[in-house]
Amino acid sequence: MLISLGTAYNDRPEFYRAVLDTAAEQPWHVVLSVGDQVDRASLPTAARNVEMHASVPQLAVLAEAAAFVTHAGMGSTMEALAAGVPLVAIPQMAEQRANADRIVELGLGRALAPDGLDPGTLWATVAEVAADLHVRERLG
C-alpha cells in the first residue's frame, strides 16, 4: 500500500497523523511518503507495518502495491495506471480534482475529499478498491 500526496502540495501533517494513528490496525504493509515540507519528527512513531519516508522510488513501490492513496497528480496517476494499481484519490488542487473525477468515471478507483477526512472512511475505501475485481479488470 503506497500513500503519497506528491511533491508540491504535501504539507498535510494532520492527514499523515491520522494515517499513522490508525495504520497499525490495517492488514497492509504501508509505505508512507510525506515529502520534505513536513517535519517527520513531529509525526507519531510509525507502527511496525508502516515505513515512513520523505520520498520513495514510486514506480518500484507501485510494482508491489495493492492500492495507491494519491493526490491524483498526473504523473502519479499515470504511474499507477501503468502499474495496474487501484487508486484512492485525495486531490489537493483543481487539476488533481479533475483527475480524481476521471479516475472515478473510468472505474479505476475512488475519490475522497481532503478536508475533514475520517481515517475509517479512508481505510474502508482502500479496502474496497484493493478488493474490487471490476477495478482490477479495468486496470488490467
C-alpha atoms as a PDB file:
ATOM      1  CA  MET A   1       0.000   0.000   0.000  1.00  0.00           C
ATOM      2  CA  LEU A   2       1.510   3.309  -1.064  1.00  0.00           C
ATOM      3  CA  ILE A   3       0.302   6.604   0.375  1.00  0.00           C
ATOM      4  CA  SER A   4       1.702   9.803  -1.123  1.00  0.00           C
ATOM      5  CA  LEU A   5       0.322  13.295  -1.640  1.00  0.00           C
ATOM      6  CA  GLY A   6       3.001  14.129  -4.201  1.00  0.00           C
ATOM      7  CA  THR A   7       5.856  16.606  -4.088  1.00  0.00           C
ATOM      8  CA  ALA A   8       4.253  20.057  -4.373  1.00  0.00           C
ATOM      9  CA  TYR A   9       1.215  20.220  -2.058  1.00  0.00           C
ATOM     10  CA  ASN A  10       2.027  17.663   0.607  1.00  0.00           C
ATOM     11  CA  ASP A  11       2.118  19.861   3.724  1.00  0.00           C
ATOM     12  CA  ARG A  12      -0.695  17.910   5.395  1.00  0.00           C
ATOM     13  CA  PRO A  13       0.618  16.822   8.817  1.00  0.00           C
ATOM     14  CA  GLU A  14      -2.934  16.216  10.090  1.00  0.00           C
ATOM     15  CA  PHE A  15      -3.502  13.707   7.270  1.00  0.00           C
ATOM     16  CA  TYR A  16      -0.229  11.901   7.997  1.00  0.00           C
ATOM     17  CA  ARG A  17      -1.017  11.828  11.734  1.00  0.00           C
ATOM     18  CA  ALA A  18      -4.406  10.251  11.040  1.00  0.00           C
ATOM     19  CA  VAL A  19      -2.774   7.621   8.830  1.00  0.00           C
ATOM     20  CA  LEU A  20      -0.054   6.875  11.374  1.00  0.00           C
ATOM     21  CA  ASP A  21      -2.506   6.741  14.287  1.00  0.00           C
ATOM     22  CA  THR A  22      -4.640   4.103  12.562  1.00  0.00           C
ATOM     23  CA  ALA A  23      -2.322   2.162  10.238  1.00  0.00           C
ATOM     24  CA  ALA A  24      -1.354  -0.459  12.826  1.00  0.00           C
ATOM     25  CA  GLU A  25      -4.925  -1.760  12.709  1.00  0.00           C
ATOM     26  CA  GLN A  26      -4.722  -2.370   8.956  1.00  0.00           C
ATOM     27  CA  PRO A  27      -3.745  -5.618   7.195  1.00  0.00           C
ATOM     28  CA  TRP A  28      -1.330  -3.991   4.751  1.00  0.00           C
ATOM     29  CA  HIS A  29       2.307  -3.078   4.738  1.00  0.00           C
ATOM     30  CA  VAL A  30       2.042   0.696   4.280  1.00  0.00           C
ATOM     31  CA  VAL A  31       4.678   2.832   2.585  1.00  0.00           C
ATOM     32  CA  LEU A  32       4.000   6.456   3.532  1.00  0.00           C
ATOM     33  CA  SER A  33       5.786   9.187   1.583  1.00  0.00           C
ATOM     34  CA  VAL A  34       5.359  12.509   3.418  1.00  0.00           C
ATOM     35  CA  GLY A  35       7.551  14.791   1.316  1.00  0.00           C
ATOM     36  CA  ASP A  36      10.014  17.324   2.658  1.00  0.00           C
ATOM     37  CA  GLN A  37       7.576  20.015   3.839  1.00  0.00           C
ATOM     38  CA  VAL A  38       6.557  18.125   6.991  1.00  0.00           C
ATOM     39  CA  ASP A  39       8.888  17.576   9.930  1.00  0.00           C
ATOM     40  CA  ARG A  40       8.789  13.787  10.291  1.00  0.00           C
ATOM     41  CA  ALA A  41       9.936  14.117  13.912  1.00  0.00           C
ATOM     42  CA  SER A  42       6.647  15.919  14.661  1.00  0.00           C
ATOM     43  CA  LEU A  43       4.624  12.923  13.475  1.00  0.00           C
ATOM     44  CA  PRO A  44       3.716   9.865  15.568  1.00  0.00           C
ATOM     45  CA  THR A  45       6.049   6.895  15.539  1.00  0.00           C
ATOM     46  CA  ALA A  46       5.239   4.580  12.664  1.00  0.00           C
ATOM     47  CA  ALA A  47       3.763   1.192  13.508  1.00  0.00           C
ATOM     48  CA  ARG A  48       5.620  -1.974  12.530  1.00  0.00           C
ATOM     49  CA  ASN A  49       3.604  -2.297   9.333  1.00  0.00           C
ATOM     50  CA  VAL A  50       4.463   1.260   8.211  1.00  0.00           C
ATOM     51  CA  GLU A  51       7.536   2.683   6.518  1.00  0.00           C
ATOM     52  CA  MET A  52       7.643   6.484   6.585  1.00  0.00           C
ATOM     53  CA  HIS A  53       9.924   8.310   4.144  1.00  0.00           C
ATOM     54  CA  ALA A  54      10.374  11.810   2.728  1.00  0.00           C
ATOM     55  CA  SER A  55      10.248  10.219  -0.736  1.00  0.00           C
ATOM     56  CA  VAL A  56      10.280   6.760  -2.273  1.00  0.00           C
ATOM     57  CA  PRO A  57      11.082   5.196  -5.655  1.00  0.00           C
ATOM     58  CA  GLN A  58       7.425   5.362  -6.608  1.00  0.00           C
ATOM     59  CA  LEU A  59       7.481   3.024  -9.625  1.00  0.00           C
ATOM     60  CA  ALA A  60       9.235   0.305  -7.625  1.00  0.00           C
ATOM     61  CA  VAL A  61       6.774   0.614  -4.729  1.00  0.00           C
ATOM     62  CA  LEU A  62       3.771   0.635  -7.069  1.00  0.00           C
ATOM     63  CA  ALA A  63       5.008  -2.610  -8.618  1.00  0.00           C
ATOM     64  CA  GLU A  64       4.244  -4.273  -5.260  1.00  0.00           C
ATOM     65  CA  ALA A  65       1.262  -2.180  -4.095  1.00  0.00           C
ATOM     66  CA  ALA A  66      -2.303  -3.409  -3.579  1.00  0.00           C
ATOM     67  CA  ALA A  67      -3.599   0.177  -3.854  1.00  0.00           C
ATOM     68  CA  PHE A  68      -2.345   3.745  -4.055  1.00  0.00           C
ATOM     69  CA  VAL A  69      -3.667   6.603  -1.934  1.00  0.00           C
ATOM     70  CA  THR A  70      -2.650   9.599  -4.004  1.00  0.00           C
ATOM     71  CA  HIS A  71      -3.199  13.297  -4.592  1.00  0.00           C
ATOM     72  CA  ALA A  72      -4.082  12.322  -8.186  1.00  0.00           C
ATOM     73  CA  GLY A  73      -1.402  14.411  -9.841  1.00  0.00           C
ATOM     74  CA  MET A  74      -0.955  13.492 -13.492  1.00  0.00           C
ATOM     75  CA  GLY A  75       2.440  11.818 -13.046  1.00  0.00           C
ATOM     76  CA  SER A  76       1.375   9.717 -10.069  1.00  0.00           C
ATOM     77  CA  THR A  77      -1.912   8.793 -11.723  1.00  0.00           C
ATOM     78  CA  MET A  78      -0.195   7.660 -14.922  1.00  0.00           C
ATOM     79  CA  GLU A  79       2.376   5.646 -12.963  1.00  0.00           C
ATOM     80  CA  ALA A  80      -0.389   3.873 -11.031  1.00  0.00           C
ATOM     81  CA  LEU A  81      -2.287   3.114 -14.228  1.00  0.00           C
ATOM     82  CA  ALA A  82       0.869   1.758 -15.879  1.00  0.00           C
ATOM     83  CA  ALA A  83       1.437  -0.490 -12.842  1.00  0.00           C
ATOM     84  CA  GLY A  84      -2.213  -1.594 -12.765  1.00  0.00           C
ATOM     85  CA  VAL A  85      -2.736  -0.317  -9.214  1.00  0.00           C
ATOM     86  CA  PRO A  86      -6.190   0.808  -7.990  1.00  0.00           C
ATOM     87  CA  LEU A  87      -6.368   4.419  -6.826  1.00  0.00           C
ATOM     88  CA  VAL A  88      -7.852   6.268  -3.889  1.00  0.00           C
ATOM     89  CA  ALA A  89      -7.616   9.888  -4.979  1.00  0.00           C
ATOM     90  CA  ILE A  90      -7.429  12.680  -2.407  1.00  0.00           C
ATOM     91  CA  PRO A  91      -6.921  15.730  -4.634  1.00  0.00           C
ATOM     92  CA  GLN A  92      -5.206  18.814  -3.242  1.00  0.00           C
ATOM     93  CA  MET A  93      -5.909  21.266  -6.110  1.00  0.00           C
ATOM     94  CA  ALA A  94      -8.161  21.782  -9.169  1.00  0.00           C
ATOM     95  CA  GLU A  95      -6.112  19.810 -11.721  1.00  0.00           C
ATOM     96  CA  GLN A  96      -5.980  16.902  -9.324  1.00  0.00           C
ATOM     97  CA  ARG A  97      -9.750  17.153  -8.725  1.00  0.00           C
ATOM     98  CA  ALA A  98     -10.282  16.760 -12.480  1.00  0.00           C
ATOM     99  CA  ASN A  99      -8.010  13.705 -12.497  1.00  0.00           C
ATOM    100  CA  ALA A 100      -9.847  12.253  -9.486  1.00  0.00           C
ATOM    101  CA  ASP A 101     -13.191  12.741 -11.221  1.00  0.00           C
ATOM    102  CA  ARG A 102     -11.887  10.899 -14.279  1.00  0.00           C
ATOM    103  CA  ILE A 103     -10.492   8.059 -12.131  1.00  0.00           C
ATOM    104  CA  VAL A 104     -13.966   7.547 -10.690  1.00  0.00           C
ATOM    105  CA  GLU A 105     -15.699   7.971 -14.059  1.00  0.00           C
ATOM    106  CA  LEU A 106     -13.499   5.284 -15.633  1.00  0.00           C
ATOM    107  CA  GLY A 107     -13.897   2.907 -12.688  1.00  0.00           C
ATOM    108  CA  LEU A 108     -10.192   2.921 -11.795  1.00  0.00           C
ATOM    109  CA  GLY A 109     -10.657   3.789  -8.133  1.00  0.00           C
ATOM    110  CA  ARG A 110     -12.450   6.131  -5.753  1.00  0.00           C
ATOM    111  CA  ALA A 111     -12.074   9.769  -4.718  1.00  0.00           C
ATOM    112  CA  LEU A 112     -12.314  11.319  -1.260  1.00  0.00           C
ATOM    113  CA  ALA A 113     -12.451  14.968  -0.198  1.00  0.00           C
ATOM    114  CA  PRO A 114      -9.210  16.026   1.502  1.00  0.00           C
ATOM    115  CA  ASP A 115     -10.671  18.187   4.261  1.00  0.00           C
ATOM    116  CA  GLY A 116     -12.072  16.510   7.345  1.00  0.00           C
ATOM    117  CA  LEU A 117     -11.237  13.064   6.032  1.00  0.00           C
ATOM    118  CA  ASP A 118     -12.115  10.386   8.565  1.00  0.00           C
ATOM    119  CA  PRO A 119      -9.452   7.634   8.865  1.00  0.00           C
ATOM    120  CA  GLY A 120     -12.166   4.970   8.990  1.00  0.00           C
ATOM    121  CA  THR A 121     -13.523   6.177   5.663  1.00  0.00           C
ATOM    122  CA  LEU A 122     -10.030   6.247   4.187  1.00  0.00           C
ATOM    123  CA  TRP A 123      -9.193   2.683   5.193  1.00  0.00           C
ATOM    124  CA  ALA A 124     -12.635   1.353   4.192  1.00  0.00           C
ATOM    125  CA  THR A 125     -12.201   2.936   0.767  1.00  0.00           C
ATOM    126  CA  VAL A 126      -8.706   1.481   0.431  1.00  0.00           C
ATOM    127  CA  ALA A 127     -10.037  -1.987   1.305  1.00  0.00           C
ATOM    128  CA  GLU A 128     -12.857  -1.555  -1.193  1.00  0.00           C
ATOM    129  CA  VAL A 129     -10.652  -0.622  -4.152  1.00  0.00           C
ATOM    130  CA  ALA A 130      -7.964  -3.179  -3.306  1.00  0.00           C
ATOM    131  CA  ALA A 131     -10.580  -5.960  -3.393  1.00  0.00           C
ATOM    132  CA  ASP A 132     -12.677  -4.663  -6.307  1.00  0.00           C
ATOM    133  CA  LEU A 133     -12.297  -7.102  -9.200  1.00  0.00           C
ATOM    134  CA  HIS A 134     -14.031  -4.706 -11.614  1.00  0.00           C
ATOM    135  CA  VAL A 135     -11.401  -2.053 -10.896  1.00  0.00           C
ATOM    136  CA  ARG A 136      -8.650  -4.641 -11.409  1.00  0.00           C
ATOM    137  CA  GLU A 137     -10.193  -5.696 -14.736  1.00  0.00           C
ATOM    138  CA  ARG A 138     -10.266  -2.092 -15.954  1.00  0.00           C
ATOM    139  CA  LEU A 139      -6.637  -1.628 -14.934  1.00  0.00           C
ATOM    140  CA  GLY A 140      -5.525  -4.918 -16.468  1.00  0.00           C
END
